[in-house]
Amino acid sequence: MTDNEKIMSYIGETPSDLVFWSFRYFLGRRTIHANVFAQNLAKAYPYLDDVTQSMIKREIERAIELDDLGDECDKEVWLDVLRNISIKFN
């Protein structure tokens, strides 16, 4: 078993699981790290499985409804993520 396989055996079944749980942690946070994660998430999004893509899109939309995207700068980056994934993948 490779090191990556060992890591994933503790965290989830696929790398998409790890990305989703990281996304859950960062959504709504008020740190520069949330911005960095969101920018990288937009790049990784096409490589995630369909279920994870759908859950991420739905949770960002829900956070918008609840006005729970963090500070203004954080809000802008999450809105950019949603715009990018909506344009590229719909």
PDB file of N, CA and C in Angstrom:
ATOM      1  N   MET A   1       0.854  -1.179   0.000  1.00  0.00           N
ATOM      2  CA  MET A   1       0.000   0.000   0.000  1.00  0.00           C
ATOM      3  C   MET A   1       0.900   1.243   0.000  1.00  0.00           C
ATOM      4  N   THR A   2       0.618   2.191  -0.908  1.00  0.00           N
ATOM      5  CA  THR A   2       1.411   3.420  -0.975  1.00  0.00           C
ATOM      6  C   THR A   2       1.038   4.352   0.182  1.00  0.00           C
ATOM      7  N   ASP A   3       1.864   5.336   0.416  1.00  0.00           N
ATOM      8  CA  ASP A   3       1.573   6.313   1.467  1.00  0.00           C
ATOM      9  C   ASP A   3       0.246   7.021   1.198  1.00  0.00           C
ATOM     10  N   ASN A   4      -0.014   7.386  -0.059  1.00  0.00           N
ATOM     11  CA  ASN A   4      -1.276   8.045  -0.395  1.00  0.00           C
ATOM     12  C   ASN A   4      -2.474   7.144  -0.120  1.00  0.00           C
ATOM     13  N   GLU A   5      -2.336   5.881  -0.428  1.00  0.00           N
ATOM     14  CA  GLU A   5      -3.417   4.933  -0.142  1.00  0.00           C
ATOM     15  C   GLU A   5      -3.640   4.793   1.362  1.00  0.00           C
ATOM     16  N   LYS A   6      -2.570   4.806   2.116  1.00  0.00           N
ATOM     17  CA  LYS A   6      -2.693   4.737   3.575  1.00  0.00           C
ATOM     18  C   LYS A   6      -3.421   5.975   4.104  1.00  0.00           C
ATOM     19  N   ILE A   7      -3.013   7.130   3.628  1.00  0.00           N
ATOM     20  CA  ILE A   7      -3.655   8.373   4.064  1.00  0.00           C
ATOM     21  C   ILE A   7      -5.144   8.326   3.748  1.00  0.00           C
ATOM     22  N   MET A   8      -5.485   7.959   2.523  1.00  0.00           N
ATOM     23  CA  MET A   8      -6.890   7.943   2.123  1.00  0.00           C
ATOM     24  C   MET A   8      -7.681   6.894   2.909  1.00  0.00           C
ATOM     25  N   SER A   9      -7.053   5.825   3.330  1.00  0.00           N
ATOM     26  CA  SER A   9      -7.775   4.806   4.090  1.00  0.00           C
ATOM     27  C   SER A   9      -8.238   5.347   5.445  1.00  0.00           C
ATOM     28  N   TYR A  10      -7.574   6.379   5.935  1.00  0.00           N
ATOM     29  CA  TYR A  10      -7.968   6.989   7.206  1.00  0.00           C
ATOM     30  C   TYR A  10      -8.950   8.144   7.014  1.00  0.00           C
ATOM     31  N   ILE A  11      -8.940   8.756   5.847  1.00  0.00           N
ATOM     32  CA  ILE A  11      -9.690   9.998   5.643  1.00  0.00           C
ATOM     33  C   ILE A  11     -10.976   9.799   4.849  1.00  0.00           C
ATOM     34  N   GLY A  12     -10.957   8.977   3.856  1.00  0.00           N
ATOM     35  CA  GLY A  12     -12.134   8.770   3.020  1.00  0.00           C
ATOM     36  C   GLY A  12     -11.807   7.784   1.923  1.00  0.00           C
ATOM     37  N   GLU A  13     -12.783   7.535   1.105  1.00  0.00           N
ATOM     38  CA  GLU A  13     -12.586   6.546   0.047  1.00  0.00           C
ATOM     39  C   GLU A  13     -11.849   7.114  -1.154  1.00  0.00           C
ATOM     40  N   THR A  14     -11.998   8.414  -1.406  1.00  0.00           N
ATOM     41  CA  THR A  14     -11.398   9.010  -2.595  1.00  0.00           C
ATOM     42  C   THR A  14     -10.793  10.370  -2.250  1.00  0.00           C
ATOM     43  N   PRO A  15      -9.915  10.890  -3.103  1.00  0.00           N
ATOM     44  CA  PRO A  15      -9.424  12.259  -2.892  1.00  0.00           C
ATOM     45  C   PRO A  15     -10.563  13.286  -2.878  1.00  0.00           C
ATOM     46  N   SER A  16     -11.632  13.020  -3.609  1.00  0.00           N
ATOM     47  CA  SER A  16     -12.782  13.923  -3.598  1.00  0.00           C
ATOM     48  C   SER A  16     -13.360  14.059  -2.192  1.00  0.00           C
ATOM     49  N   ASP A  17     -13.336  12.976  -1.415  1.00  0.00           N
ATOM     50  CA  ASP A  17     -13.807  13.042  -0.028  1.00  0.00           C
ATOM     51  C   ASP A  17     -12.971  14.027   0.777  1.00  0.00           C
ATOM     52  N   LEU A  18     -11.672  13.944   0.628  1.00  0.00           N
ATOM     53  CA  LEU A  18     -10.768  14.837   1.348  1.00  0.00           C
ATOM     54  C   LEU A  18     -11.010  16.291   0.947  1.00  0.00           C
ATOM     55  N   VAL A  19     -11.182  16.534  -0.332  1.00  0.00           N
ATOM     56  CA  VAL A  19     -11.446  17.893  -0.810  1.00  0.00           C
ATOM     57  C   VAL A  19     -12.765  18.396  -0.239  1.00  0.00           C
ATOM     58  N   PHE A  20     -13.791  17.549  -0.232  1.00  0.00           N
ATOM     59  CA  PHE A  20     -15.097  17.985   0.268  1.00  0.00           C
ATOM     60  C   PHE A  20     -15.026  18.373   1.739  1.00  0.00           C
ATOM     61  N   TRP A  21     -14.388  17.561   2.558  1.00  0.00           N
ATOM     62  CA  TRP A  21     -14.314  17.875   3.983  1.00  0.00           C
ATOM     63  C   TRP A  21     -13.452  19.112   4.231  1.00  0.00           C
ATOM     64  N   SER A  22     -12.441  19.315   3.428  1.00  0.00           N
ATOM     65  CA  SER A  22     -11.650  20.549   3.527  1.00  0.00           C
ATOM     66  C   SER A  22     -12.506  21.751   3.135  1.00  0.00           C
ATOM     67  N   PHE A  23     -13.274  21.596   2.070  1.00  0.00           N
ATOM     68  CA  PHE A  23     -14.196  22.649   1.640  1.00  0.00           C
ATOM     69  C   PHE A  23     -15.149  23.019   2.776  1.00  0.00           C
ATOM     70  N   ARG A  24     -15.712  22.009   3.423  1.00  0.00           N
ATOM     71  CA  ARG A  24     -16.635  22.243   4.537  1.00  0.00           C
ATOM     72  C   ARG A  24     -15.978  23.061   5.637  1.00  0.00           C
ATOM     73  N   TYR A  25     -14.707  22.782   5.896  1.00  0.00           N
ATOM     74  CA  TYR A  25     -13.975  23.515   6.922  1.00  0.00           C
ATOM     75  C   TYR A  25     -13.805  24.983   6.523  1.00  0.00           C
ATOM     76  N   PHE A  26     -13.456  25.237   5.275  1.00  0.00           N
ATOM     77  CA  PHE A  26     -13.120  26.589   4.842  1.00  0.00           C
ATOM     78  C   PHE A  26     -14.322  27.468   4.512  1.00  0.00           C
ATOM     79  N   LEU A  27     -15.415  26.891   4.083  1.00  0.00           N
ATOM     80  CA  LEU A  27     -16.569  27.707   3.695  1.00  0.00           C
ATOM     81  C   LEU A  27     -17.058  28.516   4.895  1.00  0.00           C
ATOM     82  N   GLY A  28     -17.083  29.835   4.746  1.00  0.00           N
ATOM     83  CA  GLY A  28     -17.542  30.709   5.820  1.00  0.00           C
ATOM     84  C   GLY A  28     -16.450  31.184   6.761  1.00  0.00           C
ATOM     85  N   ARG A  29     -15.252  30.625   6.633  1.00  0.00           N
ATOM     86  CA  ARG A  29     -14.136  31.064   7.483  1.00  0.00           C
ATOM     87  C   ARG A  29     -13.686  32.457   7.056  1.00  0.00           C
ATOM     88  N   ARG A  30     -13.030  33.123   7.963  1.00  0.00           N
ATOM     89  CA  ARG A  30     -12.561  34.479   7.713  1.00  0.00           C
ATOM     90  C   ARG A  30     -11.036  34.530   7.810  1.00  0.00           C
ATOM     91  N   THR A  31     -10.381  33.871   6.870  1.00  0.00           N
ATOM     92  CA  THR A  31      -8.916  33.874   6.857  1.00  0.00           C
ATOM     93  C   THR A  31      -8.439  33.889   5.412  1.00  0.00           C
ATOM     94  N   ILE A  32      -7.194  34.281   5.235  1.00  0.00           N
ATOM     95  CA  ILE A  32      -6.591  34.252   3.903  1.00  0.00           C
ATOM     96  C   ILE A  32      -6.556  32.815   3.383  1.00  0.00           C
ATOM     97  N   HIS A  33      -6.481  31.861   4.283  1.00  0.00           N
ATOM     98  CA  HIS A  33      -6.427  30.457   3.868  1.00  0.00           C
ATOM     99  C   HIS A  33      -7.713  30.027   3.172  1.00  0.00           C
ATOM    100  N   ALA A  34      -8.836  30.592   3.591  1.00  0.00           N
ATOM    101  CA  ALA A  34     -10.100  30.295   2.912  1.00  0.00           C
ATOM    102  C   ALA A  34     -10.042  30.791   1.476  1.00  0.00           C
ATOM    103  N   ASN A  35      -9.462  31.959   1.276  1.00  0.00           N
ATOM    104  CA  ASN A  35      -9.308  32.494  -0.072  1.00  0.00           C
ATOM    105  C   ASN A  35      -8.436  31.586  -0.926  1.00  0.00           C
ATOM    106  N   VAL A  36      -7.313  31.191  -0.386  1.00  0.00           N
ATOM    107  CA  VAL A  36      -6.375  30.333  -1.126  1.00  0.00           C
ATOM    108  C   VAL A  36      -7.043  29.004  -1.456  1.00  0.00           C
ATOM    109  N   PHE A  37      -7.716  28.402  -0.470  1.00  0.00           N
ATOM    110  CA  PHE A  37      -8.397  27.130  -0.719  1.00  0.00           C
ATOM    111  C   PHE A  37      -9.445  27.292  -1.818  1.00  0.00           C
ATOM    112  N   ALA A  38     -10.251  28.344  -1.742  1.00  0.00           N
ATOM    113  CA  ALA A  38     -11.320  28.546  -2.727  1.00  0.00           C
ATOM    114  C   ALA A  38     -10.750  28.700  -4.134  1.00  0.00           C
ATOM    115  N   GLN A  39      -9.669  29.441  -4.261  1.00  0.00           N
ATOM    116  CA  GLN A  39      -9.045  29.605  -5.582  1.00  0.00           C
ATOM    117  C   GLN A  39      -8.549  28.270  -6.120  1.00  0.00           C
ATOM    118  N   ASN A  40      -7.956  27.472  -5.265  1.00  0.00           N
ATOM    119  CA  ASN A  40      -7.468  26.163  -5.696  1.00  0.00           C
ATOM    120  C   ASN A  40      -8.613  25.183  -5.941  1.00  0.00           C
ATOM    121  N   LEU A  41      -9.677  25.318  -5.175  1.00  0.00           N
ATOM    122  CA  LEU A  41     -10.854  24.469  -5.389  1.00  0.00           C
ATOM    123  C   LEU A  41     -11.416  24.674  -6.794  1.00  0.00           C
ATOM    124  N   ALA A  42     -11.466  25.911  -7.239  1.00  0.00           N
ATOM    125  CA  ALA A  42     -11.982  26.187  -8.582  1.00  0.00           C
ATOM    126  C   ALA A  42     -11.146  25.473  -9.647  1.00  0.00           C
ATOM    127  N   LYS A  43      -9.849  25.380  -9.417  1.00  0.00           N
ATOM    128  CA  LYS A  43      -8.967  24.681 -10.366  1.00  0.00           C
ATOM    129  C   LYS A  43      -9.161  23.165 -10.295  1.00  0.00           C
ATOM    130  N   ALA A  44      -9.380  22.646  -9.090  1.00  0.00           N
ATOM    131  CA  ALA A  44      -9.505  21.198  -8.901  1.00  0.00           C
ATOM    132  C   ALA A  44     -10.902  20.678  -9.223  1.00  0.00           C
ATOM    133  N   TYR A  45     -11.878  21.554  -9.238  1.00  0.00           N
ATOM    134  CA  TYR A  45     -13.279  21.171  -9.374  1.00  0.00           C
ATOM    135  C   TYR A  45     -13.559  20.195 -10.520  1.00  0.00           C
ATOM    136  N   PRO A  46     -13.003  20.420 -11.718  1.00  0.00           N
ATOM    137  CA  PRO A  46     -13.323  19.494 -12.814  1.00  0.00           C
ATOM    138  C   PRO A  46     -12.841  18.069 -12.578  1.00  0.00           C
ATOM    139  N   TYR A  47     -11.917  17.881 -11.651  1.00  0.00           N
ATOM    140  CA  TYR A  47     -11.354  16.559 -11.404  1.00  0.00           C
ATOM    141  C   TYR A  47     -12.057  15.816 -10.266  1.00  0.00           C
ATOM    142  N   LEU A  48     -12.991  16.494  -9.602  1.00  0.00           N
ATOM    143  CA  LEU A  48     -13.737  15.863  -8.517  1.00  0.00           C
ATOM    144  C   LEU A  48     -14.858  15.011  -9.090  1.00  0.00           C
ATOM    145  N   ASP A  49     -15.288  14.020  -8.336  1.00  0.00           N
ATOM    146  CA  ASP A  49     -16.381  13.195  -8.833  1.00  0.00           C
ATOM    147  C   ASP A  49     -17.685  14.004  -8.857  1.00  0.00           C
ATOM    148  N   ASP A  50     -18.643  13.534  -9.632  1.00  0.00           N
ATOM    149  CA  ASP A  50     -19.896  14.268  -9.850  1.00  0.00           C
ATOM    150  C   ASP A  50     -20.658  14.551  -8.558  1.00  0.00           C
ATOM    151  N   VAL A  51     -20.669  13.595  -7.654  1.00  0.00           N
ATOM    152  CA  VAL A  51     -21.390  13.775  -6.392  1.00  0.00           C
ATOM    153  C   VAL A  51     -20.760  14.910  -5.582  1.00  0.00           C
ATOM    154  N   THR A  52     -19.453  14.917  -5.499  1.00  0.00           N
ATOM    155  CA  THR A  52     -18.757  15.965  -4.750  1.00  0.00           C
ATOM    156  C   THR A  52     -18.966  17.321  -5.408  1.00  0.00           C
ATOM    157  N   GLN A  53     -18.896  17.374  -6.726  1.00  0.00           N
ATOM    158  CA  GLN A  53     -19.154  18.637  -7.429  1.00  0.00           C
ATOM    159  C   GLN A  53     -20.535  19.173  -7.080  1.00  0.00           C
ATOM    160  N   SER A  54     -21.500  18.318  -7.117  1.00  0.00           N
ATOM    161  CA  SER A  54     -22.874  18.720  -6.828  1.00  0.00           C
ATOM    162  C   SER A  54     -23.025  19.207  -5.387  1.00  0.00           C
ATOM    163  N   MET A  55     -22.417  18.497  -4.439  1.00  0.00           N
ATOM    164  CA  MET A  55     -22.525  18.891  -3.029  1.00  0.00           C
ATOM    165  C   MET A  55     -21.854  20.244  -2.785  1.00  0.00           C
ATOM    166  N   ILE A  56     -20.704  20.458  -3.389  1.00  0.00           N
ATOM    167  CA  ILE A  56     -19.999  21.729  -3.213  1.00  0.00           C
ATOM    168  C   ILE A  56     -20.822  22.871  -3.781  1.00  0.00           C
ATOM    169  N   LYS A  57     -21.326  22.700  -4.983  1.00  0.00           N
ATOM    170  CA  LYS A  57     -22.140  23.745  -5.616  1.00  0.00           C
ATOM    171  C   LYS A  57     -23.368  24.056  -4.754  1.00  0.00           C
ATOM    172  N   ARG A  58     -24.035  23.032  -4.296  1.00  0.00           N
ATOM    173  CA  ARG A  58     -25.237  23.204  -3.478  1.00  0.00           C
ATOM    174  C   ARG A  58     -24.914  23.917  -2.159  1.00  0.00           C
ATOM    175  N   GLU A  59     -23.796  23.567  -1.532  1.00  0.00           N
ATOM    176  CA  GLU A  59     -23.456  24.187  -0.253  1.00  0.00           C
ATOM    177  C   GLU A  59     -23.036  25.647  -0.407  1.00  0.00           C
ATOM    178  N   ILE A  60     -22.374  25.983  -1.500  1.00  0.00           N
ATOM    179  CA  ILE A  60     -22.050  27.390  -1.734  1.00  0.00           C
ATOM    180  C   ILE A  60     -23.340  28.174  -1.954  1.00  0.00           C
ATOM    181  N   GLU A  61     -24.252  27.628  -2.742  1.00  0.00           N
ATOM    182  CA  GLU A  61     -25.535  28.306  -2.977  1.00  0.00           C
ATOM    183  C   GLU A  61     -26.303  28.490  -1.662  1.00  0.00           C
ATOM    184  N   ARG A  62     -26.265  27.493  -0.805  1.00  0.00           N
ATOM    185  CA  ARG A  62     -26.949  27.587   0.489  1.00  0.00           C
ATOM    186  C   ARG A  62     -26.296  28.641   1.387  1.00  0.00           C
ATOM    187  N   ALA A  63     -24.984  28.691   1.375  1.00  0.00           N
ATOM    188  CA  ALA A  63     -24.262  29.688   2.169  1.00  0.00           C
ATOM    189  C   ALA A  63     -24.587  31.103   1.684  1.00  0.00           C
ATOM    190  N   ILE A  64     -24.805  31.255   0.386  1.00  0.00           N
ATOM    191  CA  ILE A  64     -25.211  32.553  -0.159  1.00  0.00           C
ATOM    192  C   ILE A  64     -26.575  32.932   0.408  1.00  0.00           C
ATOM    193  N   GLU A  65     -27.508  31.988   0.390  1.00  0.00           N
ATOM    194  CA  GLU A  65     -28.856  32.241   0.932  1.00  0.00           C
ATOM    195  C   GLU A  65     -28.801  32.652   2.399  1.00  0.00           C
ATOM    196  N   LEU A  66     -27.898  32.042   3.162  1.00  0.00           N
ATOM    197  CA  LEU A  66     -27.788  32.313   4.601  1.00  0.00           C
ATOM    198  C   LEU A  66     -26.843  33.467   4.915  1.00  0.00           C
ATOM    199  N   ASP A  67     -26.250  34.042   3.865  1.00  0.00           N
ATOM    200  CA  ASP A  67     -25.245  35.094   4.022  1.00  0.00           C
ATOM    201  C   ASP A  67     -24.134  34.626   4.971  1.00  0.00           C
ATOM    202  N   ASP A  68     -23.620  33.442   4.685  1.00  0.00           N
ATOM    203  CA  ASP A  68     -22.628  32.804   5.545  1.00  0.00           C
ATOM    204  C   ASP A  68     -21.364  32.444   4.765  1.00  0.00           C
ATOM    205  N   LEU A  69     -20.854  33.428   4.017  1.00  0.00           N
ATOM    206  CA  LEU A  69     -19.656  33.178   3.222  1.00  0.00           C
ATOM    207  C   LEU A  69     -18.407  33.810   3.823  1.00  0.00           C
ATOM    208  N   GLY A  70     -18.511  34.363   5.012  1.00  0.00           N
ATOM    209  CA  GLY A  70     -17.354  35.004   5.636  1.00  0.00           C
ATOM    210  C   GLY A  70     -17.368  36.503   5.400  1.00  0.00           C
ATOM    211  N   ASP A  71     -16.195  37.115   5.502  1.00  0.00           N
ATOM    212  CA  ASP A  71     -16.060  38.549   5.276  1.00  0.00           C
ATOM    213  C   ASP A  71     -16.243  38.869   3.796  1.00  0.00           C
ATOM    214  N   GLU A  72     -16.300  40.149   3.482  1.00  0.00           N
ATOM    215  CA  GLU A  72     -16.558  40.575   2.104  1.00  0.00           C
ATOM    216  C   GLU A  72     -15.553  39.987   1.112  1.00  0.00           C
ATOM    217  N   CYS A  73     -14.264  39.991   1.485  1.00  0.00           N
ATOM    218  CA  CYS A  73     -13.249  39.438   0.574  1.00  0.00           C
ATOM    219  C   CYS A  73     -13.440  37.933   0.392  1.00  0.00           C
ATOM    220  N   ASP A  74     -13.853  37.256   1.458  1.00  0.00           N
ATOM    221  CA  ASP A  74     -14.118  35.813   1.365  1.00  0.00           C
ATOM    222  C   ASP A  74     -15.347  35.565   0.496  1.00  0.00           C
ATOM    223  N   LYS A  75     -16.348  36.381   0.702  1.00  0.00           N
ATOM    224  CA  LYS A  75     -17.594  36.262  -0.069  1.00  0.00           C
ATOM    225  C   LYS A  75     -17.300  36.357  -1.563  1.00  0.00           C
ATOM    226  N   GLU A  76     -16.470  37.323  -1.925  1.00  0.00           N
ATOM    227  CA  GLU A  76     -16.141  37.513  -3.346  1.00  0.00           C
ATOM    228  C   GLU A  76     -15.457  36.291  -3.949  1.00  0.00           C
ATOM    229  N   VAL A  77     -14.545  35.682  -3.219  1.00  0.00           N
ATOM    230  CA  VAL A  77     -13.842  34.527  -3.780  1.00  0.00           C
ATOM    231  C   VAL A  77     -14.776  33.324  -3.913  1.00  0.00           C
ATOM    232  N   TRP A  78     -15.698  33.125  -2.950  1.00  0.00           N
ATOM    233  CA  TRP A  78     -16.654  32.016  -3.063  1.00  0.00           C
ATOM    234  C   TRP A  78     -17.638  32.269  -4.200  1.00  0.00           C
ATOM    235  N   LEU A  79     -18.038  33.520  -4.397  1.00  0.00           N
ATOM    236  CA  LEU A  79     -18.911  33.845  -5.537  1.00  0.00           C
ATOM    237  C   LEU A  79     -18.184  33.602  -6.848  1.00  0.00           C
ATOM    238  N   ASP A  80     -16.891  33.916  -6.883  1.00  0.00           N
ATOM    239  CA  ASP A  80     -16.088  33.625  -8.080  1.00  0.00           C
ATOM    240  C   ASP A  80     -16.032  32.126  -8.348  1.00  0.00           C
ATOM    241  N   VAL A  81     -15.853  31.346  -7.291  1.00  0.00           N
ATOM    242  CA  VAL A  81     -15.832  29.884  -7.453  1.00  0.00           C
ATOM    243  C   VAL A  81     -17.151  29.429  -8.064  1.00  0.00           C
ATOM    244  N   LEU A  82     -18.264  29.903  -7.509  1.00  0.00           N
ATOM    245  CA  LEU A  82     -19.573  29.493  -8.017  1.00  0.00           C
ATOM    246  C   LEU A  82     -19.760  29.928  -9.463  1.00  0.00           C
ATOM    247  N   ARG A  83     -19.367  31.149  -9.793  1.00  0.00           N
ATOM    248  CA  ARG A  83     -19.483  31.615 -11.181  1.00  0.00           C
ATOM    249  C   ARG A  83     -18.647  30.750 -12.114  1.00  0.00           C
ATOM    250  N   ASN A  84     -17.428  30.466 -11.699  1.00  0.00           N
ATOM    251  CA  ASN A  84     -16.531  29.660 -12.548  1.00  0.00           C
ATOM    252  C   ASN A  84     -17.059  28.255 -12.757  1.00  0.00           C
ATOM    253  N   ILE A  85     -17.541  27.624 -11.695  1.00  0.00           N
ATOM    254  CA  ILE A  85     -18.025  26.258 -11.889  1.00  0.00           C
ATOM    255  C   ILE A  85     -19.349  26.244 -12.637  1.00  0.00           C
ATOM    256  N   SER A  86     -20.150  27.277 -12.486  1.00  0.00           N
ATOM    257  CA  SER A  86     -21.416  27.340 -13.226  1.00  0.00           C
ATOM    258  C   SER A  86     -21.171  27.566 -14.706  1.00  0.00           C
ATOM    259  N   ILE A  87     -20.209  28.402 -15.039  1.00  0.00           N
ATOM    260  CA  ILE A  87     -19.903  28.685 -16.442  1.00  0.00           C
ATOM    261  C   ILE A  87     -19.283  27.467 -17.114  1.00  0.00           C
ATOM    262  N   LYS A  88     -18.312  26.852 -16.459  1.00  0.00           N
ATOM    263  CA  LYS A  88     -17.555  25.771 -17.068  1.00  0.00           C
ATOM    264  C   LYS A  88     -18.285  24.445 -17.106  1.00  0.00           C
ATOM    265  N   PHE A  89     -19.173  24.218 -16.162  1.00  0.00           N
ATOM    266  CA  PHE A  89     -19.693  22.862 -16.008  1.00  0.00           C
ATOM    267  C   PHE A  89     -21.208  22.743 -16.129  1.00  0.00           C
ATOM    268  N   ASN A  90     -21.855  23.769 -16.597  1.00  0.00           N
ATOM    269  CA  ASN A  90     -23.309  23.674 -16.811  1.00  0.00           C
ATOM    270  C   ASN A  90     -23.631  23.818 -18.281  1.00  0.00           C
TER     271      ASN A  90
END
